[in-house]
Protein backbone atom coordinates (compact mmCIF):
# COMPACT_ATOMS: atom_id res chain seq x y z
CA MET A 1 89.66 80.25 128.84
CA PRO A 2 89.31 81.80 125.35
CA TYR A 3 87.12 84.85 124.85
CA VAL A 4 83.89 84.01 123.02
CA LEU A 5 81.80 86.98 121.94
CA ASN A 6 78.04 87.15 122.31
CA THR A 7 76.27 86.74 118.98
CA PRO A 8 73.28 88.95 118.09
CA ALA A 9 71.06 85.96 118.89
CA ASP A 10 72.70 85.59 122.32
CA ARG A 11 72.15 89.26 123.10
CA ALA A 12 68.53 89.11 121.93
CA ALA A 13 67.87 86.07 124.15
CA MET A 14 69.38 87.77 127.21
CA LEU A 15 67.45 91.00 126.62
CA ALA A 16 64.21 89.05 126.21
CA LYS A 17 64.86 87.19 129.46
CA ILE A 18 65.18 90.41 131.49
CA GLY A 19 62.35 92.18 129.67
CA ALA A 20 64.35 94.78 127.75
CA SER A 21 63.70 95.38 124.08
CA SER A 22 67.15 96.73 123.25
CA VAL A 23 70.59 97.50 124.66
CA GLU A 24 69.59 101.19 124.71
CA GLU A 25 66.64 100.38 126.96
CA LEU A 26 68.90 98.29 129.19
CA PHE A 27 71.14 101.29 129.83
CA ALA A 28 68.34 103.86 130.02
CA PRO A 29 68.75 104.35 133.82
CA ILE A 30 72.30 105.66 133.24
CA PRO A 31 72.12 109.45 132.70
CA PRO A 32 73.04 110.39 129.13
CA ASP A 33 75.85 112.69 130.23
CA ALA A 34 77.48 109.75 132.02
CA ARG A 35 77.62 107.63 128.85
CA LEU A 36 80.55 107.73 126.47
CA GLY A 37 78.41 108.19 123.36
CA ARG A 38 81.34 107.86 120.96
CA PRO A 39 84.01 105.32 119.98
CA LEU A 40 87.04 105.18 122.24
CA ASP A 41 89.93 107.24 120.87
CA ILE A 42 92.72 104.79 121.63
CA PRO A 43 96.16 105.62 120.21
CA PRO A 44 98.36 102.96 118.58
CA ALA A 45 99.99 100.45 120.88
CA LEU A 46 103.34 101.31 122.48
CA SER A 47 106.28 99.05 123.03
CA GLU A 48 106.97 97.95 126.60
CA MET A 49 109.85 100.42 126.89
CA GLU A 50 107.77 103.29 125.52
CA LEU A 51 104.82 102.44 127.75
CA THR A 52 107.05 102.25 130.83
CA ARG A 53 108.53 105.67 130.06
CA HIS A 54 105.05 107.13 129.47
CA MET A 55 103.66 105.80 132.75
CA GLN A 56 106.71 107.04 134.67
CA ALA A 57 106.18 110.52 133.22
CA LEU A 58 102.55 110.49 134.32
CA ALA A 59 103.46 109.28 137.82
CA ALA A 60 106.10 112.02 138.14
CA LYS A 61 103.33 114.65 138.01
CA ASN A 62 102.10 113.54 141.44
CA ARG A 63 103.47 115.00 144.67
CA PRO A 64 103.24 112.10 147.14
CA ALA A 65 103.00 112.86 150.84
CA GLY A 66 106.34 111.13 151.35
CA GLU A 67 108.05 113.70 149.14
CA THR A 68 106.51 116.73 150.86
CA VAL A 69 105.74 117.95 154.36
CA CYS A 70 102.16 116.75 154.76
CA PHE A 71 99.50 118.55 156.79
CA LEU A 72 96.57 116.96 154.95
CA GLY A 73 93.71 115.43 156.91
CA GLY A 74 89.98 115.08 156.38
CA GLY A 75 89.98 111.38 157.20
CA ALA A 76 93.38 110.35 155.79
CA TYR A 77 96.51 111.14 157.81
CA ASP A 78 100.27 110.85 157.49
CA HIS A 79 100.94 108.78 160.61
CA PHE A 80 104.13 106.86 161.28
CA ILE A 81 103.96 103.14 160.42
CA PRO A 82 106.33 100.82 162.32
CA SER A 83 108.32 98.55 159.99
CA VAL A 84 106.88 95.47 161.68
CA VAL A 85 103.52 96.22 160.04
CA ASP A 86 104.87 95.70 156.53
CA ALA A 87 106.99 92.76 157.67
CA VAL A 88 104.00 90.82 159.00
CA ALA A 89 101.35 91.91 156.50
CA GLY A 90 103.76 91.17 153.64
CA ARG A 91 104.05 87.49 154.50
CA SER A 92 102.66 85.31 151.73
CA GLU A 93 100.54 83.31 154.21
CA PHE A 94 98.41 86.43 154.63
CA TYR A 95 98.45 88.28 151.33
CA THR A 96 97.56 85.18 149.28
CA ALA A 97 94.55 84.41 151.49
CA TYR A 98 92.95 87.79 151.96
CA THR A 99 89.30 86.96 151.09
CA PRO A 100 88.21 84.71 153.98
CA TYR A 101 84.46 84.99 153.50
CA GLN A 102 83.70 81.28 153.49
CA ALA A 103 84.15 78.49 156.01
CA GLU A 104 87.27 77.25 154.26
CA ALA A 105 89.34 80.23 155.43
CA SER A 106 92.61 79.17 156.97
CA GLN A 107 93.00 79.03 160.73
CA GLY A 108 95.84 81.55 160.57
CA THR A 109 93.68 84.08 158.74
CA LEU A 110 90.75 83.49 161.07
CA GLN A 111 92.96 83.92 164.13
CA ALA A 112 94.32 87.19 162.75
CA VAL A 113 90.78 88.46 162.16
CA PHE A 114 89.76 87.37 165.66
CA GLU A 115 92.70 89.27 167.13
CA TYR A 116 91.72 92.33 165.09
CA GLN A 117 88.14 92.13 166.35
CA THR A 118 89.36 91.86 169.93
CA LEU A 119 91.54 94.94 169.51
CA MET A 120 88.66 96.88 167.95
CA CYS A 121 86.43 96.04 170.92
CA GLN A 122 89.14 97.32 173.25
CA LEU A 123 89.61 100.41 171.12
CA THR A 124 85.90 101.29 170.97
CA GLY A 125 84.76 100.07 174.39
CA LEU A 126 81.95 98.07 172.75
CA ASP A 127 81.11 94.38 172.79
CA VAL A 128 81.34 93.19 169.19
CA ALA A 129 83.41 94.30 166.19
CA ASN A 130 83.28 93.04 162.63
CA ALA A 131 86.08 92.57 160.14
CA SER A 132 85.56 94.63 158.16
CA LEU A 133 84.24 97.29 155.80
CA TYR A 134 85.75 99.18 152.90
CA GLU A 135 86.41 102.59 154.50
CA GLY A 136 84.92 105.16 156.86
CA GLY A 137 82.10 106.26 154.57
CA SER A 138 80.73 102.76 153.95
CA ALA A 139 81.01 102.05 157.69
CA VAL A 140 78.72 105.01 158.42
CA ALA A 141 76.26 103.82 155.77
CA GLU A 142 76.28 100.27 157.12
CA ALA A 143 75.63 101.66 160.61
CA MET A 144 72.55 103.42 159.25
CA LEU A 145 71.33 100.17 157.67
CA MET A 146 71.88 98.41 161.00
CA ALA A 147 69.85 101.10 162.78
CA LEU A 148 66.98 100.64 160.34
CA GLY A 149 66.93 96.93 161.12
CA VAL A 150 67.33 97.34 164.88
CA THR A 151 64.61 99.97 165.32
CA GLY A 152 62.22 98.89 162.57
CA ARG A 153 61.55 102.57 161.95
CA THR A 154 61.26 104.39 158.63
CA GLY A 155 61.53 108.00 159.78
CA GLU A 156 64.52 110.31 159.70
CA VAL A 157 68.22 109.67 159.94
CA LEU A 158 69.71 112.73 161.64
CA VAL A 159 73.32 113.51 160.76
CA ALA A 160 75.43 116.48 161.80
CA ALA A 161 76.82 118.74 159.07
CA SER A 162 80.15 118.38 160.88
CA VAL A 163 80.30 114.70 159.85
CA HIS A 164 82.70 114.13 156.95
CA PRO A 165 80.84 115.41 153.84
CA GLU A 166 81.83 112.37 151.80
CA TYR A 167 80.42 110.10 154.49
CA ARG A 168 77.18 112.05 154.21
CA GLN A 169 77.20 111.64 150.44
CA THR A 170 77.57 107.88 150.92
CA LEU A 171 74.60 107.97 153.30
CA GLN A 172 72.48 109.79 150.73
CA THR A 173 73.37 107.23 148.06
CA CYS A 174 72.53 104.26 150.27
CA ALA A 175 69.25 105.83 151.41
CA ALA A 176 68.10 106.83 147.93
CA ASN A 177 65.81 103.81 147.57
CA LEU A 178 65.05 103.18 151.24
CA HIS A 179 62.03 104.21 153.27
CA CYS A 180 63.86 106.80 155.33
CA ARG A 181 65.02 110.38 154.98
CA ILE A 182 68.44 111.86 155.61
CA ARG A 183 68.26 115.16 157.48
CA VAL A 184 71.45 117.16 157.90
CA LEU A 185 71.55 119.32 161.03
CA PRO A 186 73.55 122.56 160.57
CA THR A 187 76.70 123.23 162.58
CA PRO A 188 77.37 126.94 162.06
CA ASP A 189 79.76 127.10 165.01
CA GLY A 190 81.77 124.05 163.96
CA PHE A 191 79.93 121.56 166.19
CA LEU A 192 76.47 120.10 166.73
CA ASN A 193 74.54 121.87 169.45
CA PRO A 194 72.83 119.21 171.63
CA ASP A 195 69.78 121.48 171.86
CA ASP A 196 69.33 121.12 168.10
CA ILE A 197 69.29 117.34 168.47
CA ARG A 198 66.75 117.49 171.31
CA ALA A 199 64.48 119.62 169.15
CA ALA A 200 64.86 117.38 166.07
CA VAL A 201 64.39 113.85 167.46
CA ASN A 202 61.03 112.12 167.78
CA ASP A 203 59.63 108.62 168.16
CA GLN A 204 60.29 107.88 164.47
CA THR A 205 63.94 108.94 164.43
CA VAL A 206 65.99 105.99 163.19
CA CYS A 207 69.42 107.11 164.36
CA VAL A 208 71.57 110.11 165.18
CA ILE A 209 75.04 110.24 163.58
CA ALA A 210 77.77 112.48 164.96
CA GLN A 211 81.54 112.54 164.57
CA SER A 212 84.12 113.45 167.19
CA PRO A 213 86.67 114.76 166.46
CA ASN A 214 84.52 116.04 163.62
CA PHE A 215 85.46 117.03 160.08
CA PHE A 216 86.67 120.42 161.31
CA GLY A 217 88.80 118.68 163.94
CA HIS A 218 86.66 119.73 166.90
CA LEU A 219 85.26 117.69 169.75
CA GLU A 220 81.49 117.20 169.91
CA GLU A 221 79.38 116.89 173.05
CA MET A 222 78.86 113.20 172.36
CA ARG A 223 77.30 112.13 175.64
CA ALA A 224 74.60 114.79 175.40
CA ILE A 225 73.92 113.88 171.76
CA GLY A 226 73.66 110.19 172.67
CA ASP A 227 71.33 110.90 175.60
CA ALA A 228 68.98 112.80 173.28
CA ALA A 229 68.95 109.90 170.80
CA ARG A 230 68.31 107.22 173.42
CA LYS A 231 65.49 109.23 175.01
CA VAL A 232 63.36 108.58 171.91
CA GLY A 233 64.66 105.04 171.26
CA ALA A 234 66.91 106.03 168.35
CA VAL A 235 70.31 104.45 167.72
CA PHE A 236 73.34 106.62 168.47
CA VAL A 237 76.09 106.18 165.85
CA ALA A 238 79.46 107.68 166.77
CA SER A 239 82.20 108.21 164.19
CA PHE A 240 85.61 108.66 165.79
CA ASP A 241 89.35 108.90 165.13
CA PRO A 242 91.04 105.67 166.33
CA ILE A 243 94.22 107.52 167.33
CA SER A 244 92.25 109.96 169.49
CA VAL A 245 91.19 107.29 171.97
CA GLY A 246 94.76 107.24 173.22
CA LEU A 247 93.65 110.35 175.14
CA LEU A 248 89.89 110.79 174.68
CA LYS A 249 86.98 108.67 175.82
CA ARG A 250 86.08 105.68 173.71
CA PRO A 251 82.68 105.63 171.97
CA GLY A 252 81.42 102.94 174.35
CA ASP A 253 82.41 105.08 177.32
CA TYR A 254 80.08 107.90 176.28
CA GLY A 255 77.17 105.64 175.33
CA ALA A 256 77.48 104.96 171.60
CA ASP A 257 75.33 102.09 170.32
CA ILE A 258 77.42 101.74 167.15
CA ALA A 259 80.94 103.08 166.61
CA VAL A 260 82.43 103.57 163.16
CA ALA A 261 85.75 104.91 161.95
CA GLU A 262 88.19 105.21 159.11
CA GLY A 263 91.05 102.88 160.04
CA GLN A 264 93.66 104.23 157.61
CA GLY A 265 95.63 105.83 160.44
CA LEU A 266 96.24 102.41 161.99
CA GLY A 267 99.12 101.25 159.86
CA THR A 268 97.88 101.87 156.32
CA PRO A 269 99.81 104.38 154.18
CA LEU A 270 98.20 107.22 152.27
CA GLY A 271 97.34 105.67 148.92
CA TYR A 272 95.56 108.28 146.81
CA GLY A 273 92.29 107.54 148.60
CA GLY A 274 92.55 103.84 149.29
CA PRO A 275 92.11 100.99 149.67
CA TYR A 276 91.50 101.74 153.33
CA LEU A 277 89.76 100.11 156.29
CA GLY A 278 86.25 100.63 157.63
CA ILE A 279 85.81 99.97 161.37
CA LEU A 280 82.45 99.07 162.90
CA ALA A 281 81.65 97.90 166.44
CA CYS A 282 78.40 97.72 168.37
CA ARG A 283 76.67 96.72 171.57
CA GLY A 284 76.30 93.01 172.25
CA GLU A 285 72.50 92.69 172.32
CA GLN A 286 70.98 90.17 169.92
CA ALA A 287 69.21 92.93 168.00
CA TYR A 288 72.59 94.34 167.03
CA LEU A 289 74.41 91.02 166.61
CA ARG A 290 71.91 89.79 164.04
CA LYS A 291 72.22 92.94 161.95
CA ILE A 292 75.96 93.60 161.99
CA PRO A 293 77.51 93.32 158.49
CA GLY A 294 80.87 91.96 157.43
CA ARG A 295 82.72 89.00 158.89
CA LEU A 296 82.52 87.81 162.47
CA VAL A 297 85.06 85.29 163.72
CA GLY A 298 84.41 83.33 166.91
CA GLN A 299 86.71 81.23 169.07
CA THR A 300 85.90 77.62 169.92
CA THR A 301 87.59 74.22 170.31
CA ASP A 302 87.95 71.43 167.78
CA ARG A 303 87.13 67.77 168.37
CA ASN A 304 90.55 67.31 169.93
CA GLY A 305 89.97 70.09 172.42
CA LYS A 306 92.37 72.52 170.75
CA ARG A 307 91.57 76.20 170.40
CA CYS A 308 90.37 77.15 166.92
CA TRP A 309 88.39 79.82 165.10
CA VAL A 310 85.29 79.83 162.90
CA LEU A 311 83.10 82.28 161.03
CA THR A 312 79.98 82.70 163.10
CA LEU A 313 76.54 84.32 163.26
CA GLN A 314 75.96 84.15 159.53
CA THR A 315 74.72 81.54 157.09
CA ARG A 316 77.15 80.01 154.65
CA GLU A 317 75.33 81.56 151.70
CA GLN A 318 75.04 84.95 153.41
CA HIS A 319 76.41 86.74 150.38
CA ILE A 320 73.79 85.61 147.85
CA ARG A 321 70.68 86.10 150.00
CA ARG A 322 70.03 89.51 148.40
CA GLU A 323 67.71 91.67 150.51
CA LYS A 324 67.67 89.13 153.36
CA ALA A 325 71.43 89.40 153.87
CA THR A 326 72.92 91.70 156.48
CA SER A 327 76.02 92.35 154.39
CA ASN A 328 77.00 93.02 150.82
CA ILE A 329 80.69 92.85 151.67
CA CYS A 330 82.37 90.04 149.75
CA THR A 331 85.86 90.55 151.10
CA ASN A 332 86.77 91.43 154.63
CA GLN A 333 89.60 93.81 153.73
CA GLY A 334 91.70 91.23 155.52
CA LEU A 335 95.10 92.73 154.77
CA PHE A 336 94.11 96.12 156.18
CA ALA A 337 92.50 94.61 159.25
CA LEU A 338 95.75 92.69 159.75
CA ARG A 339 97.79 95.89 159.38
CA ALA A 340 95.65 97.60 162.02
CA ALA A 341 96.05 94.65 164.38
CA VAL A 342 99.84 94.59 163.98
CA TYR A 343 100.04 98.38 164.37
CA LEU A 344 98.02 98.43 167.61
CA THR A 345 99.91 95.44 168.98
CA ALA A 346 103.25 97.08 168.23
CA LEU A 347 102.26 100.36 169.90
CA GLY A 348 100.33 98.95 172.84
CA PRO A 349 98.19 101.18 175.09
CA GLN A 350 101.14 103.34 176.13
CA GLY A 351 102.35 103.81 172.58
CA LEU A 352 98.88 104.81 171.41
CA LYS A 353 98.65 107.32 174.26
CA GLU A 354 102.05 108.79 173.40
CA THR A 355 101.11 109.05 169.72
CA ALA A 356 97.88 110.85 170.60
CA GLU A 357 99.73 113.21 172.95
CA LEU A 358 102.24 114.11 170.25
CA CYS A 359 99.44 114.81 167.77
CA LEU A 360 97.62 116.99 170.29
CA ARG A 361 100.63 119.04 171.36
CA LYS A 362 102.01 119.55 167.86
CA ALA A 363 98.61 120.51 166.45
CA HIS A 364 98.12 123.14 169.13
CA TYR A 365 101.63 124.48 168.59
CA ALA A 366 100.94 124.74 164.84
CA ALA A 367 97.64 126.54 165.46
CA GLU A 368 99.35 128.95 167.84
CA GLN A 369 102.09 129.79 165.35
CA LEU A 370 99.86 130.10 162.28
CA THR A 371 97.34 132.37 164.00
CA LYS A 372 100.14 134.81 164.83
CA ILE A 373 100.21 135.69 161.12
CA PRO A 374 98.15 138.86 160.49
CA GLY A 375 94.81 138.03 158.89
CA ILE A 376 94.80 134.36 159.89
CA ARG A 377 92.57 133.17 162.73
CA LEU A 378 90.86 130.04 163.93
CA GLN A 379 87.54 129.61 162.14
CA PHE A 380 85.90 128.08 165.21
CA HIS A 381 86.75 128.43 168.87
CA ARG A 382 86.27 124.85 170.00
CA PRO A 383 88.55 122.22 171.57
CA PHE A 384 90.37 120.21 168.91
CA PHE A 385 92.61 117.14 168.80
CA LYS A 386 95.04 116.96 165.84
CA GLU A 387 93.18 118.97 163.23
CA PHE A 388 91.91 122.54 163.18
CA THR A 389 90.26 124.98 160.80
CA LEU A 390 91.77 128.31 159.80
CA HIS A 391 90.19 131.38 158.23
CA VAL A 392 92.65 132.67 155.63
CA PRO A 393 92.38 135.99 153.79
CA GLY A 394 92.38 135.86 150.02
CA ASP A 395 92.36 132.86 147.70
CA VAL A 396 92.79 129.66 149.71
CA ASN A 397 93.31 127.47 146.66
CA GLY A 398 95.94 129.83 145.30
CA LEU A 399 97.76 129.85 148.63
CA LEU A 400 97.76 126.06 148.84
CA ALA A 401 99.06 125.80 145.26
CA GLN A 402 101.96 128.12 146.10
CA LEU A 403 102.77 126.11 149.21
CA ARG A 404 102.77 122.87 147.21
CA MET A 405 105.44 124.38 144.96
CA GLU A 406 107.53 124.90 148.09
CA GLY A 407 107.10 121.32 149.27
CA TYR A 408 104.15 121.63 151.64
CA HIS A 409 100.80 119.84 151.44
CA ALA A 410 99.52 122.54 153.76
CA GLY A 411 95.85 121.60 154.20
CA LEU A 412 92.43 121.09 152.66
CA PRO A 413 90.29 123.92 151.23
CA LEU A 414 86.84 123.65 152.78
CA GLY A 415 84.85 125.62 150.19
CA ARG A 416 84.60 122.45 148.11
CA TRP A 417 82.12 121.05 150.64
CA TYR A 418 81.03 124.13 152.61
CA PRO A 419 80.32 127.16 150.37
CA GLU A 420 80.13 129.38 153.44
CA LEU A 421 83.76 128.50 154.22
CA THR A 422 85.42 129.63 151.00
CA ASN A 423 88.20 131.17 153.10
CA GLY A 424 88.50 128.09 155.31
CA MET A 425 91.21 125.45 155.29
CA SER A 426 91.78 122.54 157.63
CA VAL A 427 95.26 121.64 158.85
CA ALA A 428 96.13 118.23 160.32
CA VAL A 429 99.26 117.64 162.40
CA THR A 430 100.36 114.11 163.22
CA GLU A 431 103.16 112.81 165.40
CA LYS A 432 105.47 112.76 162.34
CA ARG A 433 105.60 116.53 161.98
CA THR A 434 108.59 118.22 163.60
CA LYS A 435 108.93 121.68 165.09
CA ASP A 436 111.15 122.69 162.18
CA GLU A 437 108.51 121.55 159.67
CA ILE A 438 105.76 123.44 161.49
CA ASP A 439 107.92 126.55 161.70
CA GLY A 440 108.79 126.16 158.02
CA LEU A 441 105.12 126.01 157.08
CA THR A 442 104.42 129.08 159.20
CA ALA A 443 107.20 131.02 157.47
CA ALA A 444 105.97 129.96 154.02
CA VAL A 445 102.38 130.95 154.80
CA ARG A 446 103.49 134.32 156.19
CA GLU A 447 105.36 135.01 152.96
CA HIS A 448 102.32 134.38 150.73
CA VAL A 449 99.38 135.73 152.78
């Protein structure tokens, strides 16, 4: 289809239709400092060979996790991915049909989504799972929107400061034009004190959002937090690490109404922030079923009595119903849901347990070794799973830069999100890290502290 520009008359007609007098008025809601305000300074075109060389030079400036020893965390982790995940997800039957948001989706795609949903229900201990959301932050925001619909309240959304700060930023964005308030409850000791929740909730609280293991890596007292929420009729939203349930209780086991998670650790490689996988599951009551976003695939039989799968519990034109819709997701992240399903199937319950055990043991060994270095200590004294927070003397960012030069992605500086933790850094240890790598990191840190 050839490109046909809009004439001045075309633009004038469109502006008149939407009630704007000029293009400047149309873009007035965009802050001036976010506009370009000048012509694009585009250099002359390059040949294909020159452009390839230029892009390779730019890419070479990155230090991918695969080329370093990676202890990064904060929601994205360097877990091992069995080769079967790529083998199955790379089949053309799946990757050419990855947007099954209408009734015409193939039976193979629908079956894969159904299997994913089943695995997510087993993983969370809840009744219904969707497939799926963009990443962990949007899953938390969608859970808040669900809670607004389920409770019919317009009061406060209570969220712990130990919830991933970027998830909280997503919440604030989604709530900006809603009739509710986001209230962040402080966690000075690295976890949410249940007494603070009991004092904060009331009969207009929409939901309580907590994360365990939280952003600092520590375990929260989730059952007590959930009990406080339910006592006033609020929805309890639990954010969790999918790998952790190999050892820890599932969200459904400690009373979560809605469980959300970042699913990157289930078979998706680190990819400079995405695309990833948002997990959401909930209780099976009608109030929740009618508000859950994303795709839901159900199992039935066709006219010949054969097992088949269909999209269910949503109208065909769900995605153009504007404010009446329960979802604004126009793709189900099908490839990443498939990767998670293959990953969990390949590991099985025992494999997931062994993976979680390795993460736990190696993380505690790393914490033990690093805190033997003079001046370094644990920031918080709380139980942790695979991630922990260190207090480091001196310039954390400078230390991490030096360690990168030696081949270590050693951790995340926390001052970016928590000004009171300018000397804090989080360290994540997955099953991939070896004793030699942990000892090597310890030696490198000791040299530079």
